[in-house]
């Protein structure tokens, strides 16, 4: 293996062409106060693998690719499974509730049709 630095982070944006923004978070103990400190930094990385938002990736140092890109996505560690067209958990819950309501309405309508046929 070579001496290039490798960092593991989560893809926060993939809206650019062949470039993703990867957020790398780290925790360390403060040297004076001994409190655990969390910090995060965003890196722009060249992406040939086609990462999506939420994927956990390993980025590696490289020669400058553009004015701001100095990292390359080496591999995808974990793929984030997302539903298409759903932005948040609250929207997912609303969609499920709507599906349940439409199913109960459909069942009631079928029940009424069966009662009408038997009468």
Protein backbone atom coordinates (compact mmCIF):
# COMPACT_ATOMS: atom_id res chain seq x y z
CA UNK A 1 0.00 0.00 0.00
CA UNK A 2 1.20 3.54 -0.67
CA UNK A 3 1.65 6.47 1.72
CA UNK A 4 -1.40 8.42 0.59
CA UNK A 5 -3.83 9.47 3.30
CA UNK A 6 -7.17 7.71 3.33
CA UNK A 7 -10.26 9.07 5.06
CA UNK A 8 -13.69 7.54 5.58
CA UNK A 9 -16.74 9.74 5.34
CA UNK A 10 -20.34 10.09 4.21
CA UNK A 11 -21.40 11.59 0.88
CA UNK A 12 -23.37 14.79 1.52
CA UNK A 13 -23.86 15.99 -2.06
CA UNK A 14 -23.52 14.51 -5.55
CA UNK A 15 -24.98 17.36 -7.59
CA UNK A 16 -21.77 18.11 -9.47
CA UNK A 17 -20.56 16.15 -12.49
CA UNK A 18 -18.14 13.41 -11.33
CA UNK A 19 -17.55 15.24 -8.03
CA UNK A 20 -19.03 14.54 -4.61
CA UNK A 21 -18.77 16.33 -1.27
CA UNK A 22 -17.72 13.93 1.48
CA UNK A 23 -18.08 14.87 5.13
CA UNK A 24 -15.41 13.33 7.36
CA UNK A 25 -16.14 13.54 11.09
CA UNK A 26 -13.63 12.92 13.84
CA UNK A 27 -13.66 12.86 17.62
CA UNK A 28 -10.75 13.77 19.85
CA UNK A 29 -10.08 14.72 23.42
CA UNK A 30 -9.42 18.39 24.10
CA UNK A 31 -5.80 18.77 25.24
CA UNK A 32 -6.55 21.07 28.18
CA UNK A 33 -10.14 20.36 29.23
CA UNK A 34 -10.21 16.63 28.37
CA UNK A 35 -13.69 16.87 26.92
CA UNK A 36 -14.57 14.82 23.85
CA UNK A 37 -14.83 17.17 20.88
CA UNK A 38 -16.55 16.30 17.60
CA UNK A 39 -15.58 18.07 14.42
CA UNK A 40 -16.42 17.57 10.76
CA UNK A 41 -14.79 18.71 7.55
CA UNK A 42 -16.06 18.52 3.99
CA UNK A 43 -13.83 17.41 1.12
CA UNK A 44 -14.56 17.56 -2.59
CA UNK A 45 -13.64 14.25 -4.20
CA UNK A 46 -13.57 13.01 -7.79
CA UNK A 47 -16.14 10.25 -8.24
CA UNK A 48 -15.90 7.64 -11.01
CA UNK A 49 -17.94 5.05 -9.06
CA UNK A 50 -21.28 6.89 -9.02
CA UNK A 51 -21.86 7.51 -5.31
CA UNK A 52 -25.22 8.61 -3.94
CA UNK A 53 -26.06 10.79 -0.96
CA UNK A 54 -25.68 8.86 2.30
CA UNK A 55 -23.12 6.36 1.02
CA UNK A 56 -20.10 5.72 3.23
CA UNK A 57 -16.94 6.01 1.13
CA UNK A 58 -13.15 5.92 1.43
CA UNK A 59 -11.37 8.85 -0.19
CA UNK A 60 -7.66 8.96 -0.98
CA UNK A 61 -5.28 11.86 -1.61
CA UNK A 62 -4.33 12.56 -5.21
CA UNK A 63 -2.67 15.13 -7.39
CA UNK A 64 -4.83 18.21 -8.05
CA UNK A 65 -7.67 17.34 -10.42
CA UNK A 66 -9.19 20.84 -10.53
CA UNK A 67 -8.99 24.08 -8.56
CA UNK A 68 -10.78 22.60 -5.53
CA UNK A 69 -10.60 18.80 -5.95
CA UNK A 70 -7.63 17.01 -4.36
CA UNK A 71 -9.22 13.70 -3.37
CA UNK A 72 -10.59 10.66 -5.23
CA UNK A 73 -13.27 8.20 -4.12
CA UNK A 74 -11.43 4.89 -3.73
CA UNK A 75 -14.30 2.58 -2.76
CA UNK A 76 -17.84 2.54 -1.45
CA UNK A 77 -17.92 0.93 1.99
CA UNK A 78 -21.68 1.03 2.61
CA UNK A 79 -24.50 1.86 0.21
CA UNK A 80 -27.37 3.94 1.57
CA UNK A 81 -30.76 2.50 0.62
CA UNK A 82 -33.20 5.31 -0.11
CA UNK A 83 -36.68 5.40 -1.56
CA UNK A 84 -36.92 7.44 -4.72
CA UNK A 85 -39.03 10.57 -4.52
CA UNK A 86 -39.12 10.59 -0.70
CA UNK A 87 -37.14 13.36 0.98
CA UNK A 88 -37.72 12.74 4.69
CA UNK A 89 -39.11 10.29 7.22
CA UNK A 90 -42.20 12.41 7.82
CA UNK A 91 -43.08 12.21 4.12
CA UNK A 92 -42.65 8.44 4.24
CA UNK A 93 -45.02 8.20 7.21
CA UNK A 94 -47.59 10.37 5.43
CA UNK A 95 -47.41 8.18 2.31
CA UNK A 96 -47.93 5.01 4.37
CA UNK A 97 -50.92 6.57 6.18
CA UNK A 98 -52.45 7.54 2.83
CA UNK A 99 -51.99 4.00 1.52
CA UNK A 100 -53.69 2.57 4.61
CA UNK A 101 -56.62 4.99 4.24
CA UNK A 102 -57.12 4.11 0.56
CA UNK A 103 -57.00 0.39 1.37
CA UNK A 104 -59.63 0.73 4.11
CA UNK A 105 -61.86 2.80 1.82
CA UNK A 106 -61.48 0.18 -0.93
CA UNK A 107 -62.32 -2.64 1.51
CA UNK A 108 -65.44 -0.79 2.72
CA UNK A 109 -66.56 -0.26 -0.87
CA UNK A 110 -66.09 -3.97 -1.63
CA UNK A 111 -68.07 -4.85 1.50
CA UNK A 112 -70.94 -2.62 0.39
CA UNK A 113 -70.92 -4.18 -3.08
CA UNK A 114 -71.11 -7.69 -1.60
CA UNK A 115 -74.03 -6.69 0.63
CA UNK A 116 -75.85 -5.17 -2.33
CA UNK A 117 -75.40 -8.37 -4.40
CA UNK A 118 -76.71 -10.62 -1.64
CA UNK A 119 -79.82 -8.47 -1.07
